[in-house]
Amino acid sequence: MSQPVLNLIPGSQVVIYDGTCKLCNAWVRFLLSHRLPPHVRLAPVQSQAGRVLLEHIGLSADSIHTIVLFDGQQHWIRSQAIFRIIRFLPGPWRALAILRFLPLAVTDRLYDLVARNRYRLFGRYDCVRSPEPDRPERFLSQ
């Protein structure tokens, strides 16, 4: 039997994102303001929790350039992570998940284009942004 990672509650999922990226932080704020379900937690790549989860799935926090959705023993990266996260959102936003049926080569190429240029296009914080002060329970603090 495998060891639980960070003692996550069964059924919980974690979105791992770049805590210094302004676009990534805007995405996190968007998710929280659009009723992301409580079982979905958040962790910056730069946090200890983010590093432990990435290590668990064989990814290096130092070379990661993608959002990751972690769900127990499964994980998704790049556009597939985005499409799965969108499915958690209410009503009209959830409809965007239909884009997951586009060819993976196309959606990942677009994702990579934005990811590669995210700091130049949207900016970068000097340090990891603090979690939303009114929603600390949504962030893994380990």
N, C-alpha and C. Protein backbone atom coordinates (compact mmCIF):
# COMPACT_ATOMS: atom_id res chain seq x y z
N MET A 1 0.85 -1.18 0.00
CA MET A 1 0.00 0.00 0.00
C MET A 1 0.89 1.24 0.00
N SER A 2 0.54 2.23 -0.82
CA SER A 2 1.39 3.41 -0.92
C SER A 2 1.12 4.38 0.22
N GLN A 3 2.15 5.15 0.56
CA GLN A 3 2.05 6.16 1.61
C GLN A 3 1.25 7.35 1.08
N PRO A 4 0.36 7.93 1.88
CA PRO A 4 -0.32 9.14 1.43
C PRO A 4 0.68 10.28 1.32
N VAL A 5 0.50 11.11 0.33
CA VAL A 5 1.38 12.25 0.12
C VAL A 5 0.84 13.42 0.92
N LEU A 6 1.64 13.95 1.83
CA LEU A 6 1.29 15.11 2.65
C LEU A 6 -0.01 14.91 3.42
N ASN A 7 -0.39 13.65 3.67
CA ASN A 7 -1.64 13.36 4.39
C ASN A 7 -2.85 14.08 3.78
N LEU A 8 -2.92 14.07 2.46
CA LEU A 8 -4.06 14.68 1.79
C LEU A 8 -5.33 13.89 2.10
N ILE A 9 -6.41 14.60 2.23
CA ILE A 9 -7.71 13.97 2.46
C ILE A 9 -8.07 13.18 1.20
N PRO A 10 -8.49 11.92 1.36
CA PRO A 10 -8.89 11.16 0.17
C PRO A 10 -9.94 11.92 -0.64
N GLY A 11 -9.74 11.94 -1.94
CA GLY A 11 -10.66 12.67 -2.82
C GLY A 11 -10.27 14.11 -3.06
N SER A 12 -9.26 14.59 -2.33
CA SER A 12 -8.84 15.97 -2.56
C SER A 12 -7.90 16.03 -3.77
N GLN A 13 -7.87 17.18 -4.37
CA GLN A 13 -7.02 17.41 -5.52
C GLN A 13 -6.23 18.68 -5.27
N VAL A 14 -5.06 18.78 -5.91
CA VAL A 14 -4.20 19.94 -5.70
C VAL A 14 -3.78 20.51 -7.04
N VAL A 15 -3.93 21.83 -7.17
CA VAL A 15 -3.43 22.55 -8.34
C VAL A 15 -2.09 23.15 -7.93
N ILE A 16 -1.04 22.77 -8.65
CA ILE A 16 0.31 23.29 -8.39
C ILE A 16 0.60 24.33 -9.48
N TYR A 17 0.99 25.53 -9.06
CA TYR A 17 1.18 26.63 -9.99
C TYR A 17 2.43 27.41 -9.63
N ASP A 18 2.90 28.25 -10.55
CA ASP A 18 4.09 29.08 -10.34
C ASP A 18 3.69 30.30 -9.51
N GLY A 19 4.17 30.35 -8.28
CA GLY A 19 3.80 31.41 -7.35
C GLY A 19 4.40 32.77 -7.67
N THR A 20 5.37 32.85 -8.58
CA THR A 20 5.94 34.15 -8.95
C THR A 20 5.36 34.69 -10.26
N CYS A 21 4.59 33.89 -10.95
CA CYS A 21 4.02 34.26 -12.24
C CYS A 21 2.73 35.06 -12.04
N LYS A 22 2.67 36.26 -12.60
CA LYS A 22 1.47 37.09 -12.46
C LYS A 22 0.27 36.45 -13.15
N LEU A 23 0.47 35.84 -14.29
CA LEU A 23 -0.64 35.16 -14.98
C LEU A 23 -1.15 33.99 -14.14
N CYS A 24 -0.25 33.22 -13.58
CA CYS A 24 -0.64 32.06 -12.76
C CYS A 24 -1.41 32.50 -11.52
N ASN A 25 -0.96 33.58 -10.88
CA ASN A 25 -1.65 34.09 -9.71
C ASN A 25 -3.03 34.65 -10.08
N ALA A 26 -3.14 35.25 -11.25
CA ALA A 26 -4.45 35.73 -11.71
C ALA A 26 -5.38 34.54 -11.94
N TRP A 27 -4.84 33.44 -12.47
CA TRP A 27 -5.63 32.22 -12.68
C TRP A 27 -6.14 31.68 -11.34
N VAL A 28 -5.28 31.67 -10.33
CA VAL A 28 -5.68 31.19 -9.00
C VAL A 28 -6.78 32.08 -8.43
N ARG A 29 -6.63 33.40 -8.54
CA ARG A 29 -7.67 34.31 -8.05
C ARG A 29 -8.99 34.09 -8.81
N PHE A 30 -8.90 33.86 -10.12
CA PHE A 30 -10.09 33.57 -10.92
C PHE A 30 -10.78 32.31 -10.42
N LEU A 31 -10.01 31.26 -10.20
CA LEU A 31 -10.58 30.00 -9.72
C LEU A 31 -11.30 30.19 -8.39
N LEU A 32 -10.66 30.90 -7.48
CA LEU A 32 -11.25 31.11 -6.16
C LEU A 32 -12.51 31.98 -6.23
N SER A 33 -12.51 32.96 -7.10
CA SER A 33 -13.67 33.84 -7.21
C SER A 33 -14.83 33.19 -7.95
N HIS A 34 -14.56 32.07 -8.62
CA HIS A 34 -15.62 31.37 -9.36
C HIS A 34 -15.95 30.02 -8.71
N ARG A 35 -15.89 29.98 -7.40
CA ARG A 35 -16.36 28.85 -6.59
C ARG A 35 -15.68 27.52 -6.92
N LEU A 36 -14.38 27.53 -6.94
CA LEU A 36 -13.64 26.28 -7.05
C LEU A 36 -14.04 25.42 -5.85
N PRO A 37 -14.41 24.16 -6.05
CA PRO A 37 -14.88 23.33 -4.93
C PRO A 37 -13.84 23.23 -3.81
N PRO A 38 -14.29 23.10 -2.57
CA PRO A 38 -13.39 23.07 -1.42
C PRO A 38 -12.40 21.90 -1.41
N HIS A 39 -12.70 20.81 -2.11
CA HIS A 39 -11.77 19.68 -2.12
C HIS A 39 -10.57 19.93 -3.02
N VAL A 40 -10.59 21.03 -3.78
CA VAL A 40 -9.46 21.38 -4.63
C VAL A 40 -8.60 22.38 -3.88
N ARG A 41 -7.37 21.97 -3.57
CA ARG A 41 -6.44 22.83 -2.83
C ARG A 41 -5.42 23.41 -3.80
N LEU A 42 -4.65 24.37 -3.36
CA LEU A 42 -3.68 25.07 -4.20
C LEU A 42 -2.32 25.07 -3.52
N ALA A 43 -1.26 24.98 -4.34
CA ALA A 43 0.10 25.03 -3.80
C ALA A 43 1.04 25.61 -4.84
N PRO A 44 1.79 26.65 -4.48
CA PRO A 44 2.80 27.14 -5.42
C PRO A 44 3.91 26.10 -5.60
N VAL A 45 4.48 26.08 -6.78
CA VAL A 45 5.62 25.19 -7.07
C VAL A 45 6.72 25.42 -6.05
N GLN A 46 6.89 26.67 -5.63
CA GLN A 46 8.00 27.05 -4.75
C GLN A 46 7.78 26.64 -3.30
N SER A 47 6.59 26.19 -2.94
CA SER A 47 6.32 25.80 -1.56
C SER A 47 6.83 24.38 -1.29
N GLN A 48 7.00 24.06 -0.02
CA GLN A 48 7.43 22.71 0.34
C GLN A 48 6.40 21.69 -0.13
N ALA A 49 5.12 22.00 0.04
CA ALA A 49 4.06 21.08 -0.39
C ALA A 49 4.12 20.87 -1.90
N GLY A 50 4.29 21.95 -2.65
CA GLY A 50 4.39 21.83 -4.11
C GLY A 50 5.57 20.97 -4.52
N ARG A 51 6.71 21.18 -3.87
CA ARG A 51 7.90 20.39 -4.21
C ARG A 51 7.72 18.91 -3.88
N VAL A 52 7.11 18.62 -2.74
CA VAL A 52 6.89 17.22 -2.34
C VAL A 52 5.97 16.53 -3.34
N LEU A 53 4.89 17.20 -3.72
CA LEU A 53 3.96 16.60 -4.68
C LEU A 53 4.62 16.38 -6.04
N LEU A 54 5.39 17.36 -6.50
CA LEU A 54 6.07 17.20 -7.78
C LEU A 54 7.08 16.06 -7.73
N GLU A 55 7.82 15.99 -6.64
CA GLU A 55 8.79 14.90 -6.48
C GLU A 55 8.08 13.54 -6.50
N HIS A 56 6.92 13.48 -5.87
CA HIS A 56 6.14 12.24 -5.80
C HIS A 56 5.76 11.73 -7.19
N ILE A 57 5.51 12.65 -8.12
CA ILE A 57 5.13 12.24 -9.48
C ILE A 57 6.29 12.29 -10.46
N GLY A 58 7.50 12.49 -9.92
CA GLY A 58 8.69 12.42 -10.76
C GLY A 58 9.02 13.67 -11.54
N LEU A 59 8.52 14.82 -11.10
CA LEU A 59 8.83 16.08 -11.76
C LEU A 59 9.70 16.93 -10.85
N SER A 60 10.58 17.72 -11.44
CA SER A 60 11.47 18.58 -10.67
C SER A 60 10.88 19.98 -10.57
N ALA A 61 10.79 20.49 -9.36
CA ALA A 61 10.27 21.84 -9.15
C ALA A 61 11.16 22.89 -9.81
N ASP A 62 12.44 22.57 -9.98
CA ASP A 62 13.37 23.53 -10.57
C ASP A 62 13.22 23.66 -12.08
N SER A 63 12.64 22.66 -12.72
CA SER A 63 12.53 22.71 -14.18
C SER A 63 11.09 22.65 -14.68
N ILE A 64 10.14 22.81 -13.78
CA ILE A 64 8.74 22.71 -14.18
C ILE A 64 8.28 24.04 -14.77
N HIS A 65 7.61 23.98 -15.89
CA HIS A 65 7.09 25.18 -16.55
C HIS A 65 5.63 24.96 -16.94
N THR A 66 4.89 24.34 -16.05
CA THR A 66 3.51 24.02 -16.35
C THR A 66 2.68 23.99 -15.07
N ILE A 67 1.40 24.16 -15.24
CA ILE A 67 0.48 23.93 -14.13
C ILE A 67 0.29 22.42 -14.03
N VAL A 68 0.08 21.95 -12.82
CA VAL A 68 -0.12 20.52 -12.58
C VAL A 68 -1.38 20.34 -11.75
N LEU A 69 -2.20 19.39 -12.14
CA LEU A 69 -3.33 18.98 -11.30
C LEU A 69 -3.00 17.61 -10.76
N PHE A 70 -2.92 17.51 -9.44
CA PHE A 70 -2.56 16.27 -8.75
C PHE A 70 -3.82 15.69 -8.13
N ASP A 71 -4.06 14.42 -8.38
CA ASP A 71 -5.25 13.74 -7.87
C ASP A 71 -4.84 12.35 -7.40
N GLY A 72 -4.36 12.26 -6.17
CA GLY A 72 -3.93 10.95 -5.66
C GLY A 72 -2.77 10.39 -6.45
N GLN A 73 -3.02 9.32 -7.17
CA GLN A 73 -1.96 8.68 -7.95
C GLN A 73 -1.91 9.18 -9.39
N GLN A 74 -2.81 10.05 -9.79
CA GLN A 74 -2.83 10.57 -11.15
C GLN A 74 -2.45 12.04 -11.14
N HIS A 75 -1.93 12.48 -12.28
CA HIS A 75 -1.68 13.90 -12.44
C HIS A 75 -1.81 14.28 -13.91
N TRP A 76 -2.09 15.55 -14.14
CA TRP A 76 -2.21 16.08 -15.48
C TRP A 76 -1.38 17.35 -15.54
N ILE A 77 -0.81 17.61 -16.71
CA ILE A 77 0.00 18.81 -16.90
C ILE A 77 -0.48 19.56 -18.14
N ARG A 78 0.01 20.77 -18.28
CA ARG A 78 -0.23 21.61 -19.44
C ARG A 78 -1.72 21.77 -19.73
N SER A 79 -2.11 21.66 -20.98
CA SER A 79 -3.51 21.94 -21.35
C SER A 79 -4.47 20.95 -20.72
N GLN A 80 -4.06 19.70 -20.55
CA GLN A 80 -4.96 18.72 -19.94
C GLN A 80 -5.28 19.08 -18.49
N ALA A 81 -4.32 19.65 -17.77
CA ALA A 81 -4.58 20.11 -16.40
C ALA A 81 -5.59 21.26 -16.43
N ILE A 82 -5.40 22.20 -17.34
CA ILE A 82 -6.32 23.33 -17.45
C ILE A 82 -7.74 22.85 -17.72
N PHE A 83 -7.89 21.93 -18.69
CA PHE A 83 -9.23 21.45 -19.04
C PHE A 83 -9.89 20.70 -17.88
N ARG A 84 -9.12 19.95 -17.13
CA ARG A 84 -9.69 19.24 -15.97
C ARG A 84 -10.07 20.23 -14.87
N ILE A 85 -9.27 21.26 -14.67
CA ILE A 85 -9.59 22.27 -13.66
C ILE A 85 -10.86 23.02 -14.06
N ILE A 86 -11.00 23.35 -15.32
CA ILE A 86 -12.18 24.06 -15.81
C ILE A 86 -13.45 23.27 -15.50
N ARG A 87 -13.37 21.96 -15.52
CA ARG A 87 -14.55 21.13 -15.25
C ARG A 87 -15.04 21.30 -13.81
N PHE A 88 -14.21 21.82 -12.93
CA PHE A 88 -14.64 22.07 -11.54
C PHE A 88 -15.49 23.34 -11.42
N LEU A 89 -15.40 24.22 -12.41
CA LEU A 89 -16.07 25.52 -12.32
C LEU A 89 -17.55 25.41 -12.64
N PRO A 90 -18.33 26.38 -12.17
CA PRO A 90 -19.78 26.32 -12.40
C PRO A 90 -20.17 26.75 -13.82
N GLY A 91 -21.37 26.37 -14.17
CA GLY A 91 -22.09 26.81 -15.35
C GLY A 91 -21.31 27.07 -16.61
N PRO A 92 -21.36 28.32 -17.08
CA PRO A 92 -20.81 28.61 -18.41
C PRO A 92 -19.31 28.35 -18.53
N TRP A 93 -18.57 28.50 -17.45
CA TRP A 93 -17.13 28.26 -17.53
C TRP A 93 -16.85 26.79 -17.81
N ARG A 94 -17.65 25.92 -17.24
CA ARG A 94 -17.47 24.48 -17.43
C ARG A 94 -17.59 24.10 -18.91
N ALA A 95 -18.39 24.84 -19.66
CA ALA A 95 -18.58 24.56 -21.08
C ALA A 95 -17.26 24.65 -21.86
N LEU A 96 -16.32 25.45 -21.37
CA LEU A 96 -15.02 25.56 -22.05
C LEU A 96 -14.23 24.26 -22.03
N ALA A 97 -14.61 23.35 -21.16
CA ALA A 97 -13.91 22.06 -21.10
C ALA A 97 -14.07 21.27 -22.39
N ILE A 98 -15.00 21.65 -23.23
CA ILE A 98 -15.17 20.98 -24.53
C ILE A 98 -13.91 21.10 -25.37
N LEU A 99 -13.11 22.12 -25.09
CA LEU A 99 -11.85 22.31 -25.83
C LEU A 99 -10.89 21.14 -25.64
N ARG A 100 -11.14 20.31 -24.63
CA ARG A 100 -10.26 19.16 -24.40
C ARG A 100 -10.32 18.16 -25.54
N PHE A 101 -11.34 18.28 -26.39
CA PHE A 101 -11.47 17.37 -27.52
C PHE A 101 -10.65 17.81 -28.73
N LEU A 102 -10.05 18.99 -28.65
CA LEU A 102 -9.10 19.40 -29.70
C LEU A 102 -7.87 18.51 -29.59
N PRO A 103 -7.13 18.35 -30.67
CA PRO A 103 -5.93 17.51 -30.60
C PRO A 103 -4.96 18.01 -29.52
N LEU A 104 -4.44 17.08 -28.74
CA LEU A 104 -3.52 17.41 -27.66
C LEU A 104 -2.29 18.15 -28.18
N ALA A 105 -1.81 17.78 -29.35
CA ALA A 105 -0.64 18.46 -29.92
C ALA A 105 -0.91 19.95 -30.12
N VAL A 106 -2.13 20.28 -30.50
CA VAL A 106 -2.50 21.68 -30.73
C VAL A 106 -2.64 22.42 -29.40
N THR A 107 -3.40 21.85 -28.47
CA THR A 107 -3.64 22.55 -27.20
C THR A 107 -2.36 22.68 -26.38
N ASP A 108 -1.51 21.66 -26.39
CA ASP A 108 -0.25 21.76 -25.65
C ASP A 108 0.71 22.74 -26.32
N ARG A 109 0.68 22.83 -27.64
CA ARG A 109 1.54 23.80 -28.33
C ARG A 109 1.13 25.22 -27.94
N LEU A 110 -0.17 25.49 -27.90
CA LEU A 110 -0.65 26.81 -27.48
C LEU A 110 -0.30 27.08 -26.02
N TYR A 111 -0.48 26.06 -25.18
CA TYR A 111 -0.13 26.20 -23.77
C TYR A 111 1.35 26.54 -23.63
N ASP A 112 2.19 25.80 -24.33
CA ASP A 112 3.64 26.02 -24.25
C ASP A 112 4.04 27.41 -24.73
N LEU A 113 3.36 27.91 -25.75
CA LEU A 113 3.65 29.24 -26.27
C LEU A 113 3.39 30.30 -25.19
N VAL A 114 2.25 30.19 -24.52
CA VAL A 114 1.93 31.13 -23.45
C VAL A 114 2.89 30.93 -22.27
N ALA A 115 3.12 29.68 -21.87
CA ALA A 115 3.98 29.38 -20.72
C ALA A 115 5.40 29.91 -20.93
N ARG A 116 5.91 29.74 -22.12
CA ARG A 116 7.28 30.16 -22.43
C ARG A 116 7.42 31.68 -22.35
N ASN A 117 6.34 32.41 -22.64
CA ASN A 117 6.39 33.87 -22.70
C ASN A 117 5.62 34.55 -21.57
N ARG A 118 5.20 33.80 -20.56
CA ARG A 118 4.33 34.35 -19.53
C ARG A 118 4.96 35.49 -18.74
N TYR A 119 6.24 35.41 -18.44
CA TYR A 119 6.87 36.49 -17.68
C TYR A 119 7.00 37.75 -18.53
N ARG A 120 7.35 37.57 -19.79
CA ARG A 120 7.51 38.72 -20.68
C ARG A 120 6.16 39.40 -20.95
N LEU A 121 5.11 38.59 -21.13
CA LEU A 121 3.80 39.14 -21.47
C LEU A 121 3.04 39.68 -20.26
N PHE A 122 3.13 39.00 -19.13
CA PHE A 122 2.29 39.33 -17.99
C PHE A 122 3.06 39.82 -16.77
N GLY A 123 4.36 39.56 -16.72
CA GLY A 123 5.17 40.00 -15.61
C GLY A 123 5.42 38.90 -14.58
N ARG A 124 6.27 39.26 -13.63
CA ARG A 124 6.70 38.29 -12.62
C ARG A 124 6.87 39.02 -11.30
N TYR A 125 6.47 38.37 -10.22
CA TYR A 125 6.70 38.92 -8.89
C TYR A 125 8.11 38.56 -8.45
N ASP A 126 8.70 39.40 -7.60
CA ASP A 126 10.05 39.14 -7.09
C ASP A 126 10.09 37.95 -6.15
N CYS A 127 8.97 37.69 -5.49
CA CYS A 127 8.89 36.54 -4.58
C CYS A 127 7.51 35.91 -4.72
N VAL A 128 7.34 34.77 -4.13
CA VAL A 128 6.06 34.07 -4.20
C VAL A 128 5.00 34.90 -3.51
N ARG A 129 3.88 35.07 -4.18
CA ARG A 129 2.77 35.81 -3.61
C ARG A 129 2.17 35.05 -2.44
N SER A 130 1.76 35.77 -1.42
CA SER A 130 1.11 35.14 -0.27
C SER A 130 -0.26 34.63 -0.70
N PRO A 131 -0.69 33.54 -0.08
CA PRO A 131 -2.03 33.04 -0.38
C PRO A 131 -3.08 34.10 -0.09
N GLU A 132 -4.23 33.95 -0.71
CA GLU A 132 -5.33 34.87 -0.47
C GLU A 132 -5.57 34.94 1.04
N PRO A 133 -5.46 36.12 1.67
CA PRO A 133 -5.57 36.22 3.12
C PRO A 133 -6.93 35.77 3.66
N ASP A 134 -7.98 35.89 2.85
CA ASP A 134 -9.30 35.49 3.33
C ASP A 134 -9.63 34.03 3.01
N ARG A 135 -8.68 33.31 2.41
CA ARG A 135 -8.92 31.90 2.07
C ARG A 135 -7.69 31.03 2.32
N PRO A 136 -7.05 31.14 3.48
CA PRO A 136 -5.82 30.37 3.72
C PRO A 136 -6.05 28.86 3.71
N GLU A 137 -7.27 28.42 4.02
CA GLU A 137 -7.56 26.98 4.05
C GLU A 137 -7.49 26.35 2.66
N ARG A 138 -7.52 27.15 1.62
CA ARG A 138 -7.48 26.63 0.25
C ARG A 138 -6.07 26.27 -0.19
N PHE A 139 -5.07 26.74 0.56
CA PHE A 139 -3.67 26.54 0.18
C PHE A 139 -3.01 25.53 1.10
N LEU A 140 -2.23 24.64 0.51
CA LEU A 140 -1.46 23.70 1.32
C LEU A 140 -0.33 24.48 1.97
N SER A 141 -0.20 24.36 3.26
CA SER A 141 0.81 25.16 3.96
C SER A 141 2.02 24.35 4.38
N GLN A 142 2.05 23.08 4.03
CA GLN A 142 3.18 22.24 4.45
C GLN A 142 4.38 22.51 3.59
